[in-house]
Amino acid sequence: MATWTIANLERNVADGGVTVAHWRVTEEETVGDDTFTASAYGTVGFTPDADADDFVAYDSLTEEVVMGWVHAEVDQSATEAALTANIEGQKNPVSADGMPW
């Protein structure tokens, strides 16, 4: 199961409007003694309007609210599918490198 988090927020100091949310998603799968991990990191930009009815200032935000903003802009299903595919590639590699000696 993928875990989404907000890594950082950038904001306007004057009104507390968030201009950028930095997000991270990580998926992990353990098979026997091996743990496979894949993650993605991205940003979403916003143009806050302090006069809007739905404006939420920085001091009043929760991670849940910001995550809702991120999920409105980022294709959650496609992002998680890419992580799952990455883990499958780690578990079943199609190429390798190294030396035979």
N, C-alpha and C. Protein backbone atom coordinates (compact mmCIF):
# COMPACT_ATOMS: atom_id res chain seq x y z
N MET A 1 0.84 -1.18 0.00
CA MET A 1 0.00 0.00 0.00
C MET A 1 0.88 1.24 0.00
N ALA A 2 0.53 2.18 -0.82
CA ALA A 2 1.32 3.41 -0.94
C ALA A 2 1.03 4.35 0.22
N THR A 3 2.07 5.04 0.65
CA THR A 3 1.96 6.04 1.71
C THR A 3 2.30 7.40 1.13
N TRP A 4 1.35 8.32 1.17
CA TRP A 4 1.52 9.68 0.68
C TRP A 4 1.80 10.61 1.84
N THR A 5 2.76 11.52 1.67
CA THR A 5 3.06 12.54 2.69
C THR A 5 3.35 13.87 2.01
N ILE A 6 3.20 14.92 2.78
CA ILE A 6 3.61 16.24 2.33
C ILE A 6 4.98 16.49 2.92
N ALA A 7 5.96 16.74 2.05
CA ALA A 7 7.35 16.91 2.49
C ALA A 7 7.67 18.35 2.88
N ASN A 8 7.00 19.31 2.23
CA ASN A 8 7.28 20.72 2.52
C ASN A 8 6.21 21.58 1.87
N LEU A 9 6.03 22.79 2.40
CA LEU A 9 5.12 23.77 1.81
C LEU A 9 5.86 25.08 1.63
N GLU A 10 5.60 25.75 0.52
CA GLU A 10 6.09 27.10 0.29
C GLU A 10 4.87 28.01 0.36
N ARG A 11 5.04 29.21 0.96
CA ARG A 11 3.88 30.08 1.16
C ARG A 11 4.26 31.55 1.04
N ASN A 12 3.23 32.35 0.82
CA ASN A 12 3.37 33.80 0.88
C ASN A 12 3.37 34.20 2.35
N VAL A 13 4.35 34.96 2.77
CA VAL A 13 4.44 35.38 4.17
C VAL A 13 3.30 36.35 4.50
N ALA A 14 2.95 37.22 3.58
CA ALA A 14 1.95 38.26 3.85
C ALA A 14 0.58 37.70 4.22
N ASP A 15 0.10 36.70 3.48
CA ASP A 15 -1.26 36.20 3.74
C ASP A 15 -1.32 34.71 4.11
N GLY A 16 -0.20 34.03 4.11
CA GLY A 16 -0.17 32.62 4.47
C GLY A 16 -0.70 31.70 3.39
N GLY A 17 -0.85 32.20 2.18
CA GLY A 17 -1.33 31.37 1.08
C GLY A 17 -0.25 30.43 0.58
N VAL A 18 -0.57 29.16 0.47
CA VAL A 18 0.39 28.15 0.01
C VAL A 18 0.54 28.25 -1.50
N THR A 19 1.77 28.35 -1.96
CA THR A 19 2.06 28.46 -3.39
C THR A 19 2.59 27.16 -3.98
N VAL A 20 3.25 26.33 -3.17
CA VAL A 20 3.79 25.06 -3.66
C VAL A 20 3.70 24.02 -2.55
N ALA A 21 3.22 22.84 -2.92
CA ALA A 21 3.24 21.69 -2.01
C ALA A 21 4.20 20.65 -2.58
N HIS A 22 5.15 20.22 -1.77
CA HIS A 22 6.09 19.16 -2.15
C HIS A 22 5.54 17.87 -1.56
N TRP A 23 5.34 16.86 -2.39
CA TRP A 23 4.76 15.61 -1.92
C TRP A 23 5.69 14.44 -2.21
N ARG A 24 5.48 13.38 -1.44
CA ARG A 24 6.24 12.14 -1.63
C ARG A 24 5.28 10.97 -1.44
N VAL A 25 5.47 9.94 -2.25
CA VAL A 25 4.70 8.71 -2.09
C VAL A 25 5.68 7.54 -2.12
N THR A 26 5.48 6.59 -1.20
CA THR A 26 6.37 5.44 -1.08
C THR A 26 5.54 4.18 -1.00
N GLU A 27 6.00 3.16 -1.67
CA GLU A 27 5.36 1.85 -1.60
C GLU A 27 6.44 0.83 -1.25
N GLU A 28 6.07 -0.13 -0.45
CA GLU A 28 7.03 -1.13 0.02
C GLU A 28 6.37 -2.49 0.02
N GLU A 29 7.14 -3.50 -0.37
CA GLU A 29 6.65 -4.88 -0.34
C GLU A 29 7.76 -5.79 0.17
N THR A 30 7.43 -6.62 1.12
CA THR A 30 8.39 -7.57 1.67
C THR A 30 8.03 -8.97 1.18
N VAL A 31 9.04 -9.64 0.62
CA VAL A 31 8.89 -11.02 0.17
C VAL A 31 10.00 -11.81 0.85
N GLY A 32 9.63 -12.69 1.76
CA GLY A 32 10.64 -13.42 2.52
C GLY A 32 11.49 -12.45 3.32
N ASP A 33 12.80 -12.51 3.11
CA ASP A 33 13.72 -11.62 3.81
C ASP A 33 14.03 -10.34 3.03
N ASP A 34 13.46 -10.22 1.83
CA ASP A 34 13.76 -9.08 0.97
C ASP A 34 12.64 -8.04 1.03
N THR A 35 13.03 -6.78 1.15
CA THR A 35 12.07 -5.68 1.11
C THR A 35 12.37 -4.83 -0.11
N PHE A 36 11.34 -4.60 -0.92
CA PHE A 36 11.45 -3.81 -2.14
C PHE A 36 10.72 -2.50 -1.92
N THR A 37 11.36 -1.39 -2.31
CA THR A 37 10.80 -0.07 -2.08
C THR A 37 10.87 0.75 -3.36
N ALA A 38 9.81 1.52 -3.60
CA ALA A 38 9.79 2.47 -4.71
C ALA A 38 9.15 3.75 -4.19
N SER A 39 9.63 4.89 -4.70
CA SER A 39 9.05 6.15 -4.26
C SER A 39 9.05 7.16 -5.40
N ALA A 40 8.23 8.18 -5.22
CA ALA A 40 8.17 9.29 -6.17
C ALA A 40 8.05 10.58 -5.36
N TYR A 41 8.54 11.65 -5.96
CA TYR A 41 8.53 12.96 -5.31
C TYR A 41 8.09 13.97 -6.36
N GLY A 42 7.27 14.90 -5.96
CA GLY A 42 6.84 15.91 -6.92
C GLY A 42 6.36 17.17 -6.22
N THR A 43 5.98 18.14 -7.02
CA THR A 43 5.46 19.39 -6.50
C THR A 43 4.19 19.76 -7.25
N VAL A 44 3.34 20.50 -6.57
CA VAL A 44 2.14 21.06 -7.18
C VAL A 44 2.12 22.54 -6.83
N GLY A 45 1.91 23.37 -7.83
CA GLY A 45 1.86 24.81 -7.62
C GLY A 45 0.43 25.31 -7.49
N PHE A 46 0.25 26.34 -6.70
CA PHE A 46 -1.06 26.94 -6.47
C PHE A 46 -0.96 28.45 -6.59
N THR A 47 -2.09 29.07 -6.89
CA THR A 47 -2.20 30.52 -6.91
C THR A 47 -3.25 30.89 -5.87
N PRO A 48 -2.84 31.08 -4.62
CA PRO A 48 -3.80 31.34 -3.56
C PRO A 48 -4.48 32.70 -3.69
N ASP A 49 -5.75 32.74 -3.33
CA ASP A 49 -6.52 33.98 -3.33
C ASP A 49 -7.08 34.17 -1.93
N ALA A 50 -6.47 35.07 -1.16
CA ALA A 50 -6.86 35.27 0.23
C ALA A 50 -8.29 35.76 0.37
N ASP A 51 -8.88 36.27 -0.71
CA ASP A 51 -10.25 36.75 -0.66
C ASP A 51 -11.28 35.68 -1.02
N ALA A 52 -10.84 34.52 -1.46
CA ALA A 52 -11.75 33.44 -1.84
C ALA A 52 -12.39 32.81 -0.61
N ASP A 53 -13.63 32.33 -0.76
CA ASP A 53 -14.35 31.71 0.35
C ASP A 53 -13.67 30.45 0.87
N ASP A 54 -12.99 29.72 -0.03
CA ASP A 54 -12.37 28.45 0.38
C ASP A 54 -10.88 28.60 0.71
N PHE A 55 -10.39 29.82 0.85
CA PHE A 55 -8.98 30.06 1.19
C PHE A 55 -8.69 29.50 2.59
N VAL A 56 -7.57 28.77 2.68
CA VAL A 56 -7.10 28.27 3.97
C VAL A 56 -5.68 28.76 4.16
N ALA A 57 -5.48 29.56 5.19
CA ALA A 57 -4.15 30.09 5.47
C ALA A 57 -3.25 29.01 6.04
N TYR A 58 -1.96 29.21 5.88
CA TYR A 58 -0.94 28.26 6.32
C TYR A 58 -1.14 27.78 7.76
N ASP A 59 -1.40 28.69 8.68
CA ASP A 59 -1.53 28.33 10.09
C ASP A 59 -2.75 27.44 10.39
N SER A 60 -3.70 27.37 9.45
CA SER A 60 -4.91 26.58 9.66
C SER A 60 -4.91 25.27 8.89
N LEU A 61 -3.84 24.98 8.16
CA LEU A 61 -3.79 23.79 7.31
C LEU A 61 -3.52 22.52 8.10
N THR A 62 -4.01 21.42 7.54
CA THR A 62 -3.65 20.08 8.00
C THR A 62 -3.06 19.33 6.80
N GLU A 63 -2.34 18.27 7.08
CA GLU A 63 -1.78 17.48 5.98
C GLU A 63 -2.92 16.91 5.13
N GLU A 64 -4.02 16.55 5.76
CA GLU A 64 -5.16 16.00 5.02
C GLU A 64 -5.71 17.01 3.99
N VAL A 65 -5.81 18.27 4.38
CA VAL A 65 -6.30 19.31 3.46
C VAL A 65 -5.35 19.45 2.27
N VAL A 66 -4.06 19.57 2.56
CA VAL A 66 -3.07 19.75 1.48
C VAL A 66 -3.01 18.50 0.61
N MET A 67 -3.13 17.33 1.20
CA MET A 67 -3.12 16.10 0.41
C MET A 67 -4.31 16.08 -0.55
N GLY A 68 -5.45 16.59 -0.11
CA GLY A 68 -6.60 16.71 -1.00
C GLY A 68 -6.30 17.60 -2.19
N TRP A 69 -5.59 18.71 -1.95
CA TRP A 69 -5.20 19.59 -3.05
C TRP A 69 -4.27 18.85 -4.02
N VAL A 70 -3.30 18.12 -3.46
CA VAL A 70 -2.34 17.38 -4.29
C VAL A 70 -3.06 16.32 -5.12
N HIS A 71 -3.93 15.55 -4.49
CA HIS A 71 -4.63 14.49 -5.21
C HIS A 71 -5.59 15.03 -6.27
N ALA A 72 -6.00 16.27 -6.12
CA ALA A 72 -6.83 16.89 -7.15
C ALA A 72 -6.01 17.21 -8.41
N GLU A 73 -4.69 17.30 -8.26
CA GLU A 73 -3.81 17.66 -9.38
C GLU A 73 -2.94 16.50 -9.89
N VAL A 74 -2.68 15.52 -9.05
CA VAL A 74 -1.79 14.41 -9.40
C VAL A 74 -2.63 13.15 -9.59
N ASP A 75 -2.37 12.41 -10.66
CA ASP A 75 -3.10 11.17 -10.91
C ASP A 75 -2.61 10.11 -9.93
N GLN A 76 -3.34 9.95 -8.84
CA GLN A 76 -2.95 9.05 -7.76
C GLN A 76 -2.84 7.61 -8.26
N SER A 77 -3.82 7.16 -9.02
CA SER A 77 -3.81 5.77 -9.49
C SER A 77 -2.62 5.48 -10.39
N ALA A 78 -2.34 6.39 -11.32
CA ALA A 78 -1.21 6.18 -12.23
C ALA A 78 0.12 6.23 -11.48
N THR A 79 0.22 7.12 -10.52
CA THR A 79 1.45 7.23 -9.73
C THR A 79 1.70 5.96 -8.94
N GLU A 80 0.66 5.45 -8.29
CA GLU A 80 0.80 4.22 -7.50
C GLU A 80 1.03 3.01 -8.40
N ALA A 81 0.43 2.99 -9.58
CA ALA A 81 0.67 1.89 -10.53
C ALA A 81 2.13 1.88 -10.98
N ALA A 82 2.72 3.05 -11.17
CA ALA A 82 4.13 3.13 -11.56
C ALA A 82 5.03 2.60 -10.45
N LEU A 83 4.68 2.88 -9.20
CA LEU A 83 5.47 2.36 -8.07
C LEU A 83 5.36 0.84 -8.01
N THR A 84 4.16 0.33 -8.19
CA THR A 84 3.95 -1.12 -8.18
C THR A 84 4.76 -1.78 -9.30
N ALA A 85 4.75 -1.17 -10.49
CA ALA A 85 5.53 -1.71 -11.62
C ALA A 85 7.02 -1.67 -11.30
N ASN A 86 7.48 -0.63 -10.64
CA ASN A 86 8.88 -0.52 -10.25
C ASN A 86 9.25 -1.67 -9.31
N ILE A 87 8.42 -1.93 -8.34
CA ILE A 87 8.69 -3.02 -7.39
C ILE A 87 8.67 -4.36 -8.11
N GLU A 88 7.74 -4.56 -9.01
CA GLU A 88 7.71 -5.82 -9.78
C GLU A 88 8.99 -5.99 -10.58
N GLY A 89 9.51 -4.88 -11.13
CA GLY A 89 10.78 -4.93 -11.85
C GLY A 89 11.95 -5.27 -10.94
N GLN A 90 11.90 -4.83 -9.70
CA GLN A 90 12.95 -5.17 -8.74
C GLN A 90 12.89 -6.65 -8.37
N LYS A 91 11.68 -7.17 -8.24
CA LYS A 91 11.50 -8.57 -7.85
C LYS A 91 11.83 -9.52 -9.00
N ASN A 92 11.59 -9.09 -10.22
CA ASN A 92 11.78 -9.92 -11.41
C ASN A 92 12.58 -9.16 -12.46
N PRO A 93 13.87 -8.92 -12.22
CA PRO A 93 14.66 -8.12 -13.16
C PRO A 93 14.80 -8.80 -14.52
N VAL A 94 14.84 -7.97 -15.58
CA VAL A 94 15.00 -8.49 -16.93
C VAL A 94 16.42 -8.29 -17.44
N SER A 95 17.23 -7.58 -16.69
CA SER A 95 18.63 -7.40 -17.05
C SER A 95 19.45 -7.33 -15.77
N ALA A 96 20.75 -7.52 -15.93
CA ALA A 96 21.66 -7.47 -14.78
C ALA A 96 23.01 -6.98 -15.28
N ASP A 97 23.86 -6.58 -14.35
CA ASP A 97 25.22 -6.20 -14.70
C ASP A 97 26.17 -6.85 -13.72
N GLY A 98 27.41 -6.72 -13.99
CA GLY A 98 28.41 -7.31 -13.12
C GLY A 98 29.49 -8.00 -13.92
N MET A 99 30.32 -8.73 -13.21
CA MET A 99 31.44 -9.46 -13.82
C MET A 99 31.31 -10.93 -13.46
N PRO A 100 31.67 -11.82 -14.36
CA PRO A 100 31.53 -13.24 -14.06
C PRO A 100 32.65 -13.79 -13.17
N TRP A 101 33.60 -13.00 -12.78
CA TRP A 101 34.66 -13.48 -11.90
C TRP A 101 34.68 -12.77 -10.59
